[in-house]
Amino acid sequence: MSDGEWQVLESATEYETGWYAGGYDLVEQPDGSTKRYYWAALAPAVVVVGIVDGAHLDGGEEGSDHVVFVRQYRPTVRESQRELVAGIVDEHDAGPAEAVDPAAYEAAAARELREETGFVADDAVLLESYAVATGVLRHRRGIVLATGLTPGEPDRDENEFLTVETVPAEAALTAAREPPTNDATLEGCLLAAADGYLS
């Protein structure tokens, strides 16, 4: 075995759905023992930190940045959550375990933002990409900053029931931390704040 790699003796996909696949790898561990490590593989996803000038909002002031959120019910956890816009990177752009081209994340971010909220971005830039929940998932996520937003009409999928909310940029991280919340929204706001976009 090469340094840091464990030999895979068997790899099996036990089930597949329209959203993810699940299975296991039987690996030889460093002490010579073997163990099955179970995984679920999901397509790569993008999370969008969309920043809109207040001049484009009812009652907003020019030069006052706001972050675009959506509020939607999540049947899996039975909660309505305030979230950043998110979606799947097109299947042809990358598989679940592959590194994703930054341009694919950026294109997906602009598309998801427009479809879910109607906002059209002049610019979309990848802030960070990373593997998610590596103990159980084969899944990559990209956080994209979208700026220069102008309002338009959303084009939502028939199963997207959501409302659009905007929060002043300086209050966005606080709003993201209000329960119930989720990892993607927290990560997106934390990265944007660390890079100076929410001040």
C-alpha atoms as a PDB file:
ATOM      1  CA  MET A   1       0.000   0.000   0.000  1.00  0.00           C
ATOM      2  CA  SER A   2       1.182   3.529  -0.706  1.00  0.00           C
ATOM      3  CA  ASP A   3       1.593   5.923   2.186  1.00  0.00           C
ATOM      4  CA  GLY A   4      -1.813   6.923   3.566  1.00  0.00           C
ATOM      5  CA  GLU A   5      -3.844   4.582   1.353  1.00  0.00           C
ATOM      6  CA  TRP A   6      -5.615   1.410   2.401  1.00  0.00           C
ATOM      7  CA  GLN A   7      -6.101  -1.373  -0.102  1.00  0.00           C
ATOM      8  CA  VAL A   8      -9.685  -1.803  -1.277  1.00  0.00           C
ATOM      9  CA  LEU A   9     -10.455  -5.520  -1.460  1.00  0.00           C
ATOM     10  CA  GLU A  10     -14.054  -5.152  -2.588  1.00  0.00           C
ATOM     11  CA  SER A  11     -16.366  -2.275  -3.509  1.00  0.00           C
ATOM     12  CA  ALA A  12     -20.120  -2.775  -3.783  1.00  0.00           C
ATOM     13  CA  THR A  13     -23.068  -0.503  -4.536  1.00  0.00           C
ATOM     14  CA  GLU A  14     -26.041  -1.928  -2.632  1.00  0.00           C
ATOM     15  CA  TYR A  15     -28.752   0.503  -3.714  1.00  0.00           C
ATOM     16  CA  GLU A  16     -29.357   3.457  -6.006  1.00  0.00           C
ATOM     17  CA  THR A  17     -32.006   6.166  -5.968  1.00  0.00           C
ATOM     18  CA  GLY A  18     -32.565   9.189  -8.145  1.00  0.00           C
ATOM     19  CA  TRP A  19     -30.654  11.285  -5.608  1.00  0.00           C
ATOM     20  CA  TYR A  20     -27.837   9.108  -4.286  1.00  0.00           C
ATOM     21  CA  ALA A  21     -26.238   5.677  -4.224  1.00  0.00           C
ATOM     22  CA  GLY A  22     -25.159   3.678  -1.184  1.00  0.00           C
ATOM     23  CA  GLY A  23     -22.719   0.869  -0.619  1.00  0.00           C
ATOM     24  CA  TYR A  24     -19.473  -0.129   1.038  1.00  0.00           C
ATOM     25  CA  ASP A  25     -15.763  -0.673   0.514  1.00  0.00           C
ATOM     26  CA  LEU A  26     -14.082  -3.645   2.155  1.00  0.00           C
ATOM     27  CA  VAL A  27     -10.593  -2.402   3.023  1.00  0.00           C
ATOM     28  CA  GLU A  28      -7.448  -3.778   4.577  1.00  0.00           C
ATOM     29  CA  GLN A  29      -6.503  -1.667   7.576  1.00  0.00           C
ATOM     30  CA  PRO A  30      -2.892  -0.875   8.577  1.00  0.00           C
ATOM     31  CA  ASP A  31      -2.810  -3.747  11.099  1.00  0.00           C
ATOM     32  CA  GLY A  32      -3.845  -6.280   8.439  1.00  0.00           C
ATOM     33  CA  SER A  33      -7.456  -6.604   9.597  1.00  0.00           C
ATOM     34  CA  THR A  34     -10.342  -5.914   7.236  1.00  0.00           C
ATOM     35  CA  LYS A  35     -13.482  -3.849   7.671  1.00  0.00           C
ATOM     36  CA  ARG A  36     -16.445  -2.669   5.619  1.00  0.00           C
ATOM     37  CA  TYR A  37     -16.758   1.113   5.413  1.00  0.00           C
ATOM     38  CA  TYR A  38     -20.225   2.176   4.300  1.00  0.00           C
ATOM     39  CA  TRP A  39     -20.828   5.263   2.188  1.00  0.00           C
ATOM     40  CA  ALA A  40     -23.498   7.255   0.381  1.00  0.00           C
ATOM     41  CA  ALA A  41     -22.527   9.013  -2.843  1.00  0.00           C
ATOM     42  CA  LEU A  42     -24.253  12.263  -3.837  1.00  0.00           C
ATOM     43  CA  ALA A  43     -23.722  14.561  -6.797  1.00  0.00           C
ATOM     44  CA  PRO A  44     -21.670  17.690  -6.071  1.00  0.00           C
ATOM     45  CA  ALA A  45     -23.642  20.687  -4.816  1.00  0.00           C
ATOM     46  CA  VAL A  46     -23.270  24.450  -4.753  1.00  0.00           C
ATOM     47  CA  VAL A  47     -24.285  26.937  -2.040  1.00  0.00           C
ATOM     48  CA  VAL A  48     -24.741  30.575  -3.052  1.00  0.00           C
ATOM     49  CA  VAL A  49     -23.978  33.649  -0.968  1.00  0.00           C
ATOM     50  CA  GLY A  50     -25.915  36.159  -3.071  1.00  0.00           C
ATOM     51  CA  ILE A  51     -25.338  39.819  -2.243  1.00  0.00           C
ATOM     52  CA  VAL A  52     -27.750  42.419  -3.591  1.00  0.00           C
ATOM     53  CA  ASP A  53     -27.538  46.205  -3.345  1.00  0.00           C
ATOM     54  CA  GLY A  54     -30.420  47.625  -1.308  1.00  0.00           C
ATOM     55  CA  ALA A  55     -31.323  49.888  -4.227  1.00  0.00           C
ATOM     56  CA  HIS A  56     -32.948  46.835  -5.844  1.00  0.00           C
ATOM     57  CA  LEU A  57     -35.137  46.077  -2.807  1.00  0.00           C
ATOM     58  CA  ASP A  58     -38.394  47.656  -1.692  1.00  0.00           C
ATOM     59  CA  GLY A  59     -37.488  50.238   0.928  1.00  0.00           C
ATOM     60  CA  GLY A  60     -33.782  49.516   0.558  1.00  0.00           C
ATOM     61  CA  GLU A  61     -31.045  52.108   0.227  1.00  0.00           C
ATOM     62  CA  GLU A  62     -28.381  52.243  -2.433  1.00  0.00           C
ATOM     63  CA  GLY A  63     -25.041  50.979  -1.131  1.00  0.00           C
ATOM     64  CA  SER A  64     -26.586  48.827   1.619  1.00  0.00           C
ATOM     65  CA  ASP A  65     -25.725  45.218   0.867  1.00  0.00           C
ATOM     66  CA  HIS A  66     -28.192  42.439   1.669  1.00  0.00           C
ATOM     67  CA  VAL A  67     -27.766  38.664   1.572  1.00  0.00           C
ATOM     68  CA  VAL A  68     -30.383  36.617  -0.263  1.00  0.00           C
ATOM     69  CA  PHE A  69     -31.928  33.716   1.654  1.00  0.00           C
ATOM     70  CA  VAL A  70     -34.810  31.390   0.921  1.00  0.00           C
ATOM     71  CA  ARG A  71     -37.142  29.906   3.484  1.00  0.00           C
ATOM     72  CA  GLN A  72     -38.462  26.426   2.820  1.00  0.00           C
ATOM     73  CA  TYR A  73     -39.842  23.420   4.613  1.00  0.00           C
ATOM     74  CA  ARG A  74     -37.541  20.391   4.832  1.00  0.00           C
ATOM     75  CA  PRO A  75     -39.632  17.212   5.240  1.00  0.00           C
ATOM     76  CA  THR A  76     -36.534  15.189   6.151  1.00  0.00           C
ATOM     77  CA  VAL A  77     -36.089  17.094   9.423  1.00  0.00           C
ATOM     78  CA  ARG A  78     -39.681  18.415   9.598  1.00  0.00           C
ATOM     79  CA  GLU A  79     -38.599  22.035   9.939  1.00  0.00           C
ATOM     80  CA  SER A  80     -38.901  25.254   7.997  1.00  0.00           C
ATOM     81  CA  GLN A  81     -35.448  26.772   7.611  1.00  0.00           C
ATOM     82  CA  ARG A  82     -33.870  29.992   6.414  1.00  0.00           C
ATOM     83  CA  GLU A  83     -31.229  28.869   3.945  1.00  0.00           C
ATOM     84  CA  LEU A  84     -28.812  30.132   1.362  1.00  0.00           C
ATOM     85  CA  VAL A  85     -29.756  29.188  -2.181  1.00  0.00           C
ATOM     86  CA  ALA A  86     -28.320  25.775  -3.057  1.00  0.00           C
ATOM     87  CA  GLY A  87     -28.539  23.127  -5.730  1.00  0.00           C
ATOM     88  CA  ILE A  88     -26.875  20.319  -7.616  1.00  0.00           C
ATOM     89  CA  VAL A  89     -24.030  20.862 -10.054  1.00  0.00           C
ATOM     90  CA  ASP A  90     -25.081  19.424 -13.415  1.00  0.00           C
ATOM     91  CA  GLU A  91     -24.373  15.700 -13.597  1.00  0.00           C
ATOM     92  CA  HIS A  92     -22.198  16.061 -16.676  1.00  0.00           C
ATOM     93  CA  ASP A  93     -19.887  18.452 -14.839  1.00  0.00           C
ATOM     94  CA  ALA A  94     -18.561  15.983 -12.253  1.00  0.00           C
ATOM     95  CA  GLY A  95     -19.212  12.779 -10.383  1.00  0.00           C
ATOM     96  CA  PRO A  96     -19.729  12.668  -6.605  1.00  0.00           C
ATOM     97  CA  ALA A  97     -16.129  11.916  -5.635  1.00  0.00           C
ATOM     98  CA  GLU A  98     -14.353  13.956  -8.299  1.00  0.00           C
ATOM     99  CA  ALA A  99     -12.838  17.388  -7.970  1.00  0.00           C
ATOM    100  CA  VAL A 100     -15.163  19.899  -9.638  1.00  0.00           C
ATOM    101  CA  ASP A 101     -14.026  22.629 -11.993  1.00  0.00           C
ATOM    102  CA  PRO A 102     -14.563  26.028 -10.303  1.00  0.00           C
ATOM    103  CA  ALA A 103     -16.391  27.217 -13.422  1.00  0.00           C
ATOM    104  CA  ALA A 104     -18.948  24.421 -12.968  1.00  0.00           C
ATOM    105  CA  TYR A 105     -19.700  25.568  -9.420  1.00  0.00           C
ATOM    106  CA  GLU A 106     -19.968  29.188 -10.577  1.00  0.00           C
ATOM    107  CA  ALA A 107     -22.310  28.356 -13.468  1.00  0.00           C
ATOM    108  CA  ALA A 108     -24.497  26.233 -11.187  1.00  0.00           C
ATOM    109  CA  ALA A 109     -24.616  29.041  -8.610  1.00  0.00           C
ATOM    110  CA  ALA A 110     -25.805  31.628 -11.139  1.00  0.00           C
ATOM    111  CA  ARG A 111     -28.407  29.198 -12.489  1.00  0.00           C
ATOM    112  CA  GLU A 112     -29.782  28.169  -9.077  1.00  0.00           C
ATOM    113  CA  LEU A 113     -29.938  31.770  -7.859  1.00  0.00           C
ATOM    114  CA  ARG A 114     -31.894  32.844 -10.936  1.00  0.00           C
ATOM    115  CA  GLU A 115     -34.238  29.850 -10.871  1.00  0.00           C
ATOM    116  CA  GLU A 116     -35.035  29.968  -7.143  1.00  0.00           C
ATOM    117  CA  THR A 117     -35.120  33.729  -6.518  1.00  0.00           C
ATOM    118  CA  GLY A 118     -35.198  35.519  -9.877  1.00  0.00           C
ATOM    119  CA  PHE A 119     -31.983  37.408  -9.075  1.00  0.00           C
ATOM    120  CA  VAL A 120     -29.499  37.512 -11.955  1.00  0.00           C
ATOM    121  CA  ALA A 121     -25.826  37.768 -10.999  1.00  0.00           C
ATOM    122  CA  ASP A 122     -23.239  39.813 -12.897  1.00  0.00           C
ATOM    123  CA  ASP A 123     -20.468  37.820 -11.249  1.00  0.00           C
ATOM    124  CA  ALA A 124     -20.095  34.480  -9.439  1.00  0.00           C
ATOM    125  CA  VAL A 125     -16.807  33.461  -7.813  1.00  0.00           C
ATOM    126  CA  LEU A 126     -15.960  30.244  -5.989  1.00  0.00           C
ATOM    127  CA  LEU A 127     -14.855  30.959  -2.411  1.00  0.00           C
ATOM    128  CA  GLU A 128     -14.121  27.357  -1.378  1.00  0.00           C
ATOM    129  CA  SER A 129     -14.789  23.748  -2.337  1.00  0.00           C
ATOM    130  CA  TYR A 130     -14.454  20.769  -0.015  1.00  0.00           C
ATOM    131  CA  ALA A 131     -15.530  17.242   0.818  1.00  0.00           C
ATOM    132  CA  VAL A 132     -18.567  16.937   3.104  1.00  0.00           C
ATOM    133  CA  ALA A 133     -19.002  14.522   6.049  1.00  0.00           C
ATOM    134  CA  THR A 134     -16.109  12.319   4.932  1.00  0.00           C
ATOM    135  CA  GLY A 135     -16.895   9.630   7.502  1.00  0.00           C
ATOM    136  CA  VAL A 136     -19.981   8.593   5.546  1.00  0.00           C
ATOM    137  CA  LEU A 137     -20.430  10.682   2.358  1.00  0.00           C
ATOM    138  CA  ARG A 138     -18.825  10.854  -1.044  1.00  0.00           C
ATOM    139  CA  HIS A 139     -19.983  14.382  -1.706  1.00  0.00           C
ATOM    140  CA  ARG A 140     -18.358  17.673  -2.627  1.00  0.00           C
ATOM    141  CA  ARG A 141     -19.684  21.168  -1.994  1.00  0.00           C
ATOM    142  CA  GLY A 142     -18.718  24.554  -3.365  1.00  0.00           C
ATOM    143  CA  ILE A 143     -19.488  27.925  -1.760  1.00  0.00           C
ATOM    144  CA  VAL A 144     -19.919  30.647  -4.392  1.00  0.00           C
ATOM    145  CA  LEU A 145     -20.211  34.408  -3.907  1.00  0.00           C
ATOM    146  CA  ALA A 146     -22.673  35.983  -6.360  1.00  0.00           C
ATOM    147  CA  THR A 147     -22.679  39.775  -6.747  1.00  0.00           C
ATOM    148  CA  GLY A 148     -24.118  42.482  -8.970  1.00  0.00           C
ATOM    149  CA  LEU A 149     -27.608  41.059  -8.551  1.00  0.00           C
ATOM    150  CA  THR A 150     -30.594  42.442 -10.398  1.00  0.00           C
ATOM    151  CA  PRO A 151     -34.144  41.241  -9.721  1.00  0.00           C
ATOM    152  CA  GLY A 152     -36.153  39.149 -12.154  1.00  0.00           C
ATOM    153  CA  GLU A 153     -38.720  36.370 -12.237  1.00  0.00           C
ATOM    154  CA  PRO A 154     -37.892  32.988 -10.684  1.00  0.00           C
ATOM    155  CA  ASP A 155     -38.264  29.774 -12.661  1.00  0.00           C
ATOM    156  CA  ARG A 156     -38.707  27.178  -9.925  1.00  0.00           C
ATOM    157  CA  ASP A 157     -39.090  23.444 -10.249  1.00  0.00           C
ATOM    158  CA  GLU A 158     -42.597  22.157  -9.551  1.00  0.00           C
ATOM    159  CA  ASN A 159     -41.462  20.757  -6.177  1.00  0.00           C
ATOM    160  CA  GLU A 160     -39.821  23.997  -4.975  1.00  0.00           C
ATOM    161  CA  PHE A 161     -42.072  25.735  -2.458  1.00  0.00           C
ATOM    162  CA  LEU A 162     -40.090  28.611  -1.009  1.00  0.00           C
ATOM    163  CA  THR A 163     -40.122  32.302  -0.208  1.00  0.00           C
ATOM    164  CA  VAL A 164     -37.273  34.750  -0.720  1.00  0.00           C
ATOM    165  CA  GLU A 165     -35.913  36.803   2.180  1.00  0.00           C
ATOM    166  CA  THR A 166     -33.101  39.337   2.303  1.00  0.00           C
ATOM    167  CA  VAL A 167     -31.090  40.258   5.382  1.00  0.00           C
ATOM    168  CA  PRO A 168     -28.642  43.162   5.765  1.00  0.00           C
ATOM    169  CA  ALA A 169     -25.152  41.807   5.133  1.00  0.00           C
ATOM    170  CA  GLU A 170     -23.855  42.736   8.582  1.00  0.00           C
ATOM    171  CA  ALA A 171     -26.693  40.737  10.174  1.00  0.00           C
ATOM    172  CA  ALA A 172     -26.538  37.724   7.838  1.00  0.00           C
ATOM    173  CA  LEU A 173     -24.286  35.538   9.988  1.00  0.00           C
ATOM    174  CA  THR A 174     -26.429  36.169  13.060  1.00  0.00           C
ATOM    175  CA  ALA A 175     -29.540  35.315  11.035  1.00  0.00           C
ATOM    176  CA  ALA A 176     -27.900  32.124   9.734  1.00  0.00           C
ATOM    177  CA  ARG A 177     -27.171  31.008  13.299  1.00  0.00           C
ATOM    178  CA  GLU A 178     -30.786  31.315  14.421  1.00  0.00           C
ATOM    179  CA  PRO A 179     -32.219  27.819  14.901  1.00  0.00           C
ATOM    180  CA  PRO A 180     -33.299  25.857  13.074  1.00  0.00           C
ATOM    181  CA  THR A 181     -30.320  26.106  10.746  1.00  0.00           C
ATOM    182  CA  ASN A 182     -28.111  23.825   8.675  1.00  0.00           C
ATOM    183  CA  ASP A 183     -24.478  23.210   7.840  1.00  0.00           C
ATOM    184  CA  ALA A 184     -24.449  24.636   4.314  1.00  0.00           C
ATOM    185  CA  THR A 185     -25.980  27.961   5.344  1.00  0.00           C
ATOM    186  CA  LEU A 186     -23.638  28.342   8.303  1.00  0.00           C
ATOM    187  CA  GLU A 187     -20.582  27.414   6.236  1.00  0.00           C
ATOM    188  CA  GLY A 188     -21.488  29.817   3.448  1.00  0.00           C
ATOM    189  CA  CYS A 189     -22.022  32.747   5.783  1.00  0.00           C
ATOM    190  CA  LEU A 190     -18.917  31.958   7.838  1.00  0.00           C
ATOM    191  CA  LEU A 191     -16.718  31.847   4.731  1.00  0.00           C
ATOM    192  CA  ALA A 192     -18.218  35.047   3.336  1.00  0.00           C
ATOM    193  CA  ALA A 193     -17.736  36.789   6.693  1.00  0.00           C
ATOM    194  CA  ALA A 194     -14.141  35.537   6.989  1.00  0.00           C
ATOM    195  CA  ASP A 195     -13.397  36.930   3.528  1.00  0.00           C
ATOM    196  CA  GLY A 196     -14.875  40.334   4.452  1.00  0.00           C
ATOM    197  CA  TYR A 197     -18.074  40.262   2.393  1.00  0.00           C
ATOM    198  CA  LEU A 198     -20.575  40.589   5.259  1.00  0.00           C
ATOM    199  CA  SER A 199     -19.255  43.699   6.979  1.00  0.00           C
END
